[in-house]
Amino acid sequence: MLIAGKRGPTRLGFALLLKFYIWAGRFPRGRSELPGEAVGFVARQVGVEPAEFGLYEWTGRTIEYHRAQIRGHLGFRE
């Protein structure tokens, strides 16, 4: 499972990136592209409070690694 080992904001952020990529064929440009209802729905699925999404970092190595994991899992290259 791709989210195994991820906790809190990292778990929720990763799950949202994955779902958005599957749905839109690209990654979101920022939090504003993710409707609150979608954040709440995915948060319940992964067992994280929706408010923790605000703590997910949108820059840096973690999100780049998450994007690479998602592309690799889905069979895409950058």
PDB file of N, CA and C in Angstrom:
ATOM      1  N   MET A   1       0.845  -1.175   0.000  1.00  0.00           N
ATOM      2  CA  MET A   1       0.000   0.000   0.000  1.00  0.00           C
ATOM      3  C   MET A   1       0.889   1.237   0.000  1.00  0.00           C
ATOM      4  N   LEU A   2       0.586   2.174  -0.838  1.00  0.00           N
ATOM      5  CA  LEU A   2       1.438   3.348  -1.002  1.00  0.00           C
ATOM      6  C   LEU A   2       1.464   4.261   0.219  1.00  0.00           C
ATOM      7  N   ILE A   3       0.384   4.328   0.979  1.00  0.00           N
ATOM      8  CA  ILE A   3       0.377   5.250   2.117  1.00  0.00           C
ATOM      9  C   ILE A   3       0.856   4.602   3.415  1.00  0.00           C
ATOM     10  N   ALA A   4       1.202   3.334   3.355  1.00  0.00           N
ATOM     11  CA  ALA A   4       1.715   2.653   4.548  1.00  0.00           C
ATOM     12  C   ALA A   4       2.985   3.368   5.021  1.00  0.00           C
ATOM     13  N   GLY A   5       3.079   3.593   6.299  1.00  0.00           N
ATOM     14  CA  GLY A   5       4.248   4.260   6.853  1.00  0.00           C
ATOM     15  C   GLY A   5       4.139   5.771   6.879  1.00  0.00           C
ATOM     16  N   LYS A   6       3.136   6.322   6.208  1.00  0.00           N
ATOM     17  CA  LYS A   6       2.931   7.767   6.218  1.00  0.00           C
ATOM     18  C   LYS A   6       1.892   8.084   7.289  1.00  0.00           C
ATOM     19  N   ARG A   7       2.100   9.197   8.006  1.00  0.00           N
ATOM     20  CA  ARG A   7       1.175   9.554   9.083  1.00  0.00           C
ATOM     21  C   ARG A   7       0.779  11.019   8.985  1.00  0.00           C
ATOM     22  N   GLY A   8      -0.346  11.337   9.565  1.00  0.00           N
ATOM     23  CA  GLY A   8      -0.799  12.716   9.708  1.00  0.00           C
ATOM     24  C   GLY A   8      -0.894  13.468   8.391  1.00  0.00           C
ATOM     25  N   PRO A   9      -0.373  14.692   8.374  1.00  0.00           N
ATOM     26  CA  PRO A   9      -0.471  15.525   7.176  1.00  0.00           C
ATOM     27  C   PRO A   9       0.164  14.880   5.948  1.00  0.00           C
ATOM     28  N   THR A  10       1.245  14.135   6.167  1.00  0.00           N
ATOM     29  CA  THR A  10       1.922  13.480   5.050  1.00  0.00           C
ATOM     30  C   THR A  10       1.024  12.426   4.421  1.00  0.00           C
ATOM     31  N   ARG A  11       0.332  11.672   5.236  1.00  0.00           N
ATOM     32  CA  ARG A  11      -0.581  10.632   4.747  1.00  0.00           C
ATOM     33  C   ARG A  11      -1.721  11.256   3.952  1.00  0.00           C
ATOM     34  N   LEU A  12      -2.324  12.307   4.497  1.00  0.00           N
ATOM     35  CA  LEU A  12      -3.437  12.961   3.823  1.00  0.00           C
ATOM     36  C   LEU A  12      -2.980  13.654   2.550  1.00  0.00           C
ATOM     37  N   GLY A  13      -1.882  14.377   2.615  1.00  0.00           N
ATOM     38  CA  GLY A  13      -1.369  15.065   1.431  1.00  0.00           C
ATOM     39  C   GLY A  13      -1.048  14.102   0.307  1.00  0.00           C
ATOM     40  N   PHE A  14      -0.402  12.999   0.640  1.00  0.00           N
ATOM     41  CA  PHE A  14      -0.063  11.997  -0.368  1.00  0.00           C
ATOM     42  C   PHE A  14      -1.322  11.423  -1.010  1.00  0.00           C
ATOM     43  N   ALA A  15      -2.297  11.062  -0.177  1.00  0.00           N
ATOM     44  CA  ALA A  15      -3.544  10.486  -0.702  1.00  0.00           C
ATOM     45  C   ALA A  15      -4.260  11.473  -1.613  1.00  0.00           C
ATOM     46  N   LEU A  16      -4.264  12.742  -1.245  1.00  0.00           N
ATOM     47  CA  LEU A  16      -4.916  13.752  -2.084  1.00  0.00           C
ATOM     48  C   LEU A  16      -4.175  13.955  -3.406  1.00  0.00           C
ATOM     49  N   LEU A  17      -2.849  13.956  -3.346  1.00  0.00           N
ATOM     50  CA  LEU A  17      -2.076  14.060  -4.586  1.00  0.00           C
ATOM     51  C   LEU A  17      -2.385  12.893  -5.520  1.00  0.00           C
ATOM     52  N   LEU A  18      -2.426  11.692  -4.954  1.00  0.00           N
ATOM     53  CA  LEU A  18      -2.707  10.494  -5.746  1.00  0.00           C
ATOM     54  C   LEU A  18      -4.088  10.576  -6.392  1.00  0.00           C
ATOM     55  N   LYS A  19      -5.102  10.899  -5.610  1.00  0.00           N
ATOM     56  CA  LYS A  19      -6.468  10.974  -6.136  1.00  0.00           C
ATOM     57  C   LYS A  19      -6.603  12.061  -7.187  1.00  0.00           C
ATOM     58  N   PHE A  20      -5.990  13.216  -6.944  1.00  0.00           N
ATOM     59  CA  PHE A  20      -6.065  14.309  -7.907  1.00  0.00           C
ATOM     60  C   PHE A  20      -5.379  13.920  -9.212  1.00  0.00           C
ATOM     61  N   TYR A  21      -4.221  13.268  -9.108  1.00  0.00           N
ATOM     62  CA  TYR A  21      -3.489  12.860 -10.317  1.00  0.00           C
ATOM     63  C   TYR A  21      -4.300  11.854 -11.137  1.00  0.00           C
ATOM     64  N   ILE A  22      -4.926  10.912 -10.457  1.00  0.00           N
ATOM     65  CA  ILE A  22      -5.764   9.923 -11.154  1.00  0.00           C
ATOM     66  C   ILE A  22      -6.940  10.620 -11.830  1.00  0.00           C
ATOM     67  N   TRP A  23      -7.530  11.585 -11.144  1.00  0.00           N
ATOM     68  CA  TRP A  23      -8.716  12.281 -11.659  1.00  0.00           C
ATOM     69  C   TRP A  23      -8.385  13.276 -12.766  1.00  0.00           C
ATOM     70  N   ALA A  24      -7.342  14.087 -12.577  1.00  0.00           N
ATOM     71  CA  ALA A  24      -7.057  15.190 -13.503  1.00  0.00           C
ATOM     72  C   ALA A  24      -5.893  14.920 -14.455  1.00  0.00           C
ATOM     73  N   GLY A  25      -5.089  13.895 -14.185  1.00  0.00           N
ATOM     74  CA  GLY A  25      -3.943  13.619 -15.041  1.00  0.00           C
ATOM     75  C   GLY A  25      -2.762  14.544 -14.781  1.00  0.00           C
ATOM     76  N   ARG A  26      -2.802  15.253 -13.683  1.00  0.00           N
ATOM     77  CA  ARG A  26      -1.718  16.149 -13.285  1.00  0.00           C
ATOM     78  C   ARG A  26      -1.809  16.352 -11.775  1.00  0.00           C
ATOM     79  N   PHE A  27      -0.783  16.980 -11.216  1.00  0.00           N
ATOM     80  CA  PHE A  27      -0.799  17.275  -9.793  1.00  0.00           C
ATOM     81  C   PHE A  27      -1.426  18.649  -9.561  1.00  0.00           C
ATOM     82  N   PRO A  28      -2.053  18.854  -8.404  1.00  0.00           N
ATOM     83  CA  PRO A  28      -2.615  20.172  -8.110  1.00  0.00           C
ATOM     84  C   PRO A  28      -1.500  21.199  -7.948  1.00  0.00           C
ATOM     85  N   ARG A  29      -1.792  22.433  -8.313  1.00  0.00           N
ATOM     86  CA  ARG A  29      -0.811  23.513  -8.191  1.00  0.00           C
ATOM     87  C   ARG A  29      -0.725  24.032  -6.758  1.00  0.00           C
ATOM     88  N   GLY A  30      -1.746  23.750  -5.975  1.00  0.00           N
ATOM     89  CA  GLY A  30      -1.750  24.199  -4.587  1.00  0.00           C
ATOM     90  C   GLY A  30      -2.999  23.706  -3.883  1.00  0.00           C
ATOM     91  N   ARG A  31      -3.095  24.035  -2.613  1.00  0.00           N
ATOM     92  CA  ARG A  31      -4.240  23.600  -1.815  1.00  0.00           C
ATOM     93  C   ARG A  31      -5.565  24.101  -2.362  1.00  0.00           C
ATOM     94  N   SER A  32      -5.544  25.275  -2.957  1.00  0.00           N
ATOM     95  CA  SER A  32      -6.789  25.890  -3.423  1.00  0.00           C
ATOM     96  C   SER A  32      -7.483  25.082  -4.514  1.00  0.00           C
ATOM     97  N   GLU A  33      -6.774  24.211  -5.186  1.00  0.00           N
ATOM     98  CA  GLU A  33      -7.387  23.379  -6.229  1.00  0.00           C
ATOM     99  C   GLU A  33      -8.155  22.186  -5.661  1.00  0.00           C
ATOM    100  N   LEU A  34      -8.018  21.946  -4.380  1.00  0.00           N
ATOM    101  CA  LEU A  34      -8.669  20.800  -3.757  1.00  0.00           C
ATOM    102  C   LEU A  34      -9.863  21.275  -2.934  1.00  0.00           C
ATOM    103  N   PRO A  35     -11.077  20.954  -3.375  1.00  0.00           N
ATOM    104  CA  PRO A  35     -12.270  21.387  -2.630  1.00  0.00           C
ATOM    105  C   PRO A  35     -12.291  20.801  -1.223  1.00  0.00           C
ATOM    106  N   GLY A  36     -12.818  21.572  -0.290  1.00  0.00           N
ATOM    107  CA  GLY A  36     -12.898  21.138   1.095  1.00  0.00           C
ATOM    108  C   GLY A  36     -13.635  19.829   1.264  1.00  0.00           C
ATOM    109  N   GLU A  37     -14.677  19.611   0.437  1.00  0.00           N
ATOM    110  CA  GLU A  37     -15.429  18.357   0.520  1.00  0.00           C
ATOM    111  C   GLU A  37     -14.549  17.167   0.161  1.00  0.00           C
ATOM    112  N   ALA A  38     -13.697  17.343  -0.837  1.00  0.00           N
ATOM    113  CA  ALA A  38     -12.796  16.264  -1.254  1.00  0.00           C
ATOM    114  C   ALA A  38     -11.762  15.984  -0.169  1.00  0.00           C
ATOM    115  N   VAL A  39     -11.235  17.047   0.432  1.00  0.00           N
ATOM    116  CA  VAL A  39     -10.256  16.884   1.511  1.00  0.00           C
ATOM    117  C   VAL A  39     -10.896  16.120   2.670  1.00  0.00           C
ATOM    118  N   GLY A  40     -12.112  16.498   3.040  1.00  0.00           N
ATOM    119  CA  GLY A  40     -12.810  15.822   4.126  1.00  0.00           C
ATOM    120  C   GLY A  40     -13.077  14.359   3.826  1.00  0.00           C
ATOM    121  N   PHE A  41     -13.489  14.089   2.590  1.00  0.00           N
ATOM    122  CA  PHE A  41     -13.798  12.717   2.185  1.00  0.00           C
ATOM    123  C   PHE A  41     -12.558  11.828   2.256  1.00  0.00           C
ATOM    124  N   VAL A  42     -11.464  12.290   1.675  1.00  0.00           N
ATOM    125  CA  VAL A  42     -10.224  11.504   1.671  1.00  0.00           C
ATOM    126  C   VAL A  42      -9.667  11.398   3.092  1.00  0.00           C
ATOM    127  N   ALA A  43      -9.784  12.470   3.875  1.00  0.00           N
ATOM    128  CA  ALA A  43      -9.297  12.445   5.255  1.00  0.00           C
ATOM    129  C   ALA A  43      -9.987  11.343   6.051  1.00  0.00           C
ATOM    130  N   ARG A  44     -11.292  11.204   5.878  1.00  0.00           N
ATOM    131  CA  ARG A  44     -12.008  10.130   6.575  1.00  0.00           C
ATOM    132  C   ARG A  44     -11.519   8.760   6.117  1.00  0.00           C
ATOM    133  N   GLN A  45     -11.237   8.627   4.833  1.00  0.00           N
ATOM    134  CA  GLN A  45     -10.777   7.338   4.306  1.00  0.00           C
ATOM    135  C   GLN A  45      -9.420   6.928   4.875  1.00  0.00           C
ATOM    136  N   VAL A  46      -8.536   7.901   5.062  1.00  0.00           N
ATOM    137  CA  VAL A  46      -7.181   7.573   5.530  1.00  0.00           C
ATOM    138  C   VAL A  46      -7.014   7.773   7.032  1.00  0.00           C
ATOM    139  N   GLY A  47      -8.073   8.193   7.728  1.00  0.00           N
ATOM    140  CA  GLY A  47      -8.041   8.315   9.175  1.00  0.00           C
ATOM    141  C   GLY A  47      -7.237   9.479   9.704  1.00  0.00           C
ATOM    142  N   VAL A  48      -7.323  10.627   9.017  1.00  0.00           N
ATOM    143  CA  VAL A  48      -6.597  11.824   9.427  1.00  0.00           C
ATOM    144  C   VAL A  48      -7.600  12.971   9.495  1.00  0.00           C
ATOM    145  N   GLU A  49      -7.413  13.885  10.440  1.00  0.00           N
ATOM    146  CA  GLU A  49      -8.286  15.054  10.535  1.00  0.00           C
ATOM    147  C   GLU A  49      -8.061  15.956   9.323  1.00  0.00           C
ATOM    148  N   PRO A  50      -9.131  16.448   8.693  1.00  0.00           N
ATOM    149  CA  PRO A  50      -8.981  17.320   7.524  1.00  0.00           C
ATOM    150  C   PRO A  50      -8.124  18.555   7.787  1.00  0.00           C
ATOM    151  N   ALA A  51      -8.169  19.083   9.000  1.00  0.00           N
ATOM    152  CA  ALA A  51      -7.392  20.284   9.335  1.00  0.00           C
ATOM    153  C   ALA A  51      -5.885  20.059   9.190  1.00  0.00           C
ATOM    154  N   GLU A  52      -5.443  18.821   9.292  1.00  0.00           N
ATOM    155  CA  GLU A  52      -4.013  18.535   9.183  1.00  0.00           C
ATOM    156  C   GLU A  52      -3.472  18.761   7.775  1.00  0.00           C
ATOM    157  N   PHE A  53      -4.365  18.859   6.804  1.00  0.00           N
ATOM    158  CA  PHE A  53      -3.919  19.105   5.425  1.00  0.00           C
ATOM    159  C   PHE A  53      -3.180  20.439   5.323  1.00  0.00           C
ATOM    160  N   GLY A  54      -3.529  21.381   6.172  1.00  0.00           N
ATOM    161  CA  GLY A  54      -2.838  22.671   6.165  1.00  0.00           C
ATOM    162  C   GLY A  54      -1.375  22.574   6.549  1.00  0.00           C
ATOM    163  N   LEU A  55      -0.977  21.479   7.172  1.00  0.00           N
ATOM    164  CA  LEU A  55       0.418  21.283   7.578  1.00  0.00           C
ATOM    165  C   LEU A  55       1.257  20.567   6.527  1.00  0.00           C
ATOM    166  N   TYR A  56       0.624  20.111   5.448  1.00  0.00           N
ATOM    167  CA  TYR A  56       1.365  19.407   4.389  1.00  0.00           C
ATOM    168  C   TYR A  56       2.206  20.414   3.609  1.00  0.00           C
ATOM    169  N   GLU A  57       3.481  20.130   3.461  1.00  0.00           N
ATOM    170  CA  GLU A  57       4.409  21.030   2.778  1.00  0.00           C
ATOM    171  C   GLU A  57       4.278  20.928   1.256  1.00  0.00           C
ATOM    172  N   TRP A  58       4.092  22.066   0.589  1.00  0.00           N
ATOM    173  CA  TRP A  58       3.926  22.091  -0.866  1.00  0.00           C
ATOM    174  C   TRP A  58       5.220  22.361  -1.611  1.00  0.00           C
ATOM    175  N   THR A  59       6.309  22.475  -0.885  1.00  0.00           N
ATOM    176  CA  THR A  59       7.620  22.643  -1.518  1.00  0.00           C
ATOM    177  C   THR A  59       8.604  21.738  -0.793  1.00  0.00           C
ATOM    178  N   GLY A  60       9.659  21.389  -1.476  1.00  0.00           N
ATOM    179  CA  GLY A  60      10.708  20.611  -0.834  1.00  0.00           C
ATOM    180  C   GLY A  60      10.791  19.175  -1.313  1.00  0.00           C
ATOM    181  N   ARG A  61      11.652  18.441  -0.638  1.00  0.00           N
ATOM    182  CA  ARG A  61      11.950  17.066  -1.049  1.00  0.00           C
ATOM    183  C   ARG A  61      10.789  16.107  -0.851  1.00  0.00           C
ATOM    184  N   THR A  62       9.999  16.318   0.190  1.00  0.00           N
ATOM    185  CA  THR A  62       8.925  15.373   0.488  1.00  0.00           C
ATOM    186  C   THR A  62       7.894  15.335  -0.627  1.00  0.00           C
ATOM    187  N   ILE A  63       7.406  16.481  -1.057  1.00  0.00           N
ATOM    188  CA  ILE A  63       6.387  16.483  -2.106  1.00  0.00           C
ATOM    189  C   ILE A  63       6.973  15.999  -3.431  1.00  0.00           C
ATOM    190  N   GLU A  64       8.223  16.308  -3.687  1.00  0.00           N
ATOM    191  CA  GLU A  64       8.854  15.814  -4.914  1.00  0.00           C
ATOM    192  C   GLU A  64       8.945  14.287  -4.888  1.00  0.00           C
ATOM    193  N   TYR A  65       9.291  13.737  -3.734  1.00  0.00           N
ATOM    194  CA  TYR A  65       9.357  12.288  -3.579  1.00  0.00           C
ATOM    195  C   TYR A  65       7.964  11.670  -3.727  1.00  0.00           C
ATOM    196  N   HIS A  66       6.977  12.300  -3.141  1.00  0.00           N
ATOM    197  CA  HIS A  66       5.603  11.804  -3.275  1.00  0.00           C
ATOM    198  C   HIS A  66       5.165  11.797  -4.736  1.00  0.00           C
ATOM    199  N   ARG A  67       5.458  12.861  -5.446  1.00  0.00           N
ATOM    200  CA  ARG A  67       5.101  12.912  -6.868  1.00  0.00           C
ATOM    201  C   ARG A  67       5.794  11.804  -7.656  1.00  0.00           C
ATOM    202  N   ALA A  68       7.062  11.578  -7.358  1.00  0.00           N
ATOM    203  CA  ALA A  68       7.803  10.510  -8.045  1.00  0.00           C
ATOM    204  C   ALA A  68       7.206   9.142  -7.719  1.00  0.00           C
ATOM    205  N   GLN A  69       6.836   8.912  -6.462  1.00  0.00           N
ATOM    206  CA  GLN A  69       6.208   7.642  -6.080  1.00  0.00           C
ATOM    207  C   GLN A  69       4.904   7.429  -6.847  1.00  0.00           C
ATOM    208  N   ILE A  70       4.096   8.466  -6.940  1.00  0.00           N
ATOM    209  CA  ILE A  70       2.804   8.359  -7.618  1.00  0.00           C
ATOM    210  C   ILE A  70       2.998   8.103  -9.106  1.00  0.00           C
ATOM    211  N   ARG A  71       3.897   8.863  -9.735  1.00  0.00           N
ATOM    212  CA  ARG A  71       4.152   8.636 -11.166  1.00  0.00           C
ATOM    213  C   ARG A  71       4.654   7.219 -11.400  1.00  0.00           C
ATOM    214  N   GLY A  72       5.579   6.756 -10.577  1.00  0.00           N
ATOM    215  CA  GLY A  72       6.113   5.399 -10.725  1.00  0.00           C
ATOM    216  C   GLY A  72       5.042   4.342 -10.548  1.00  0.00           C
ATOM    217  N   HIS A  73       4.185   4.518  -9.550  1.00  0.00           N
ATOM    218  CA  HIS A  73       3.114   3.561  -9.289  1.00  0.00           C
ATOM    219  C   HIS A  73       2.137   3.487 -10.466  1.00  0.00           C
ATOM    220  N   LEU A  74       1.871   4.631 -11.083  1.00  0.00           N
ATOM    221  CA  LEU A  74       0.906   4.678 -12.180  1.00  0.00           C
ATOM    222  C   LEU A  74       1.545   4.446 -13.554  1.00  0.00           C
ATOM    223  N   GLY A  75       2.875   4.293 -13.578  1.00  0.00           N
ATOM    224  CA  GLY A  75       3.562   3.981 -14.833  1.00  0.00           C
ATOM    225  C   GLY A  75       3.866   5.189 -15.703  1.00  0.00           C
ATOM    226  N   PHE A  76       4.000   6.372 -15.104  1.00  0.00           N
ATOM    227  CA  PHE A  76       4.331   7.581 -15.855  1.00  0.00           C
ATOM    228  C   PHE A  76       5.726   8.029 -15.514  1.00  0.00           C
ATOM    229  N   ARG A  77       6.328   8.757 -16.442  1.00  0.00           N
ATOM    230  CA  ARG A  77       7.620   9.370 -16.197  1.00  0.00           C
ATOM    231  C   ARG A  77       7.457  10.874 -16.255  1.00  0.00           C
ATOM    232  N   GLU A  78       8.358  11.587 -15.589  1.00  0.00           N
ATOM    233  CA  GLU A  78       8.294  13.045 -15.570  1.00  0.00           C
ATOM    234  C   GLU A  78       8.533  13.616 -16.942  1.00  0.00           C
TER     235      GLU A  78
END
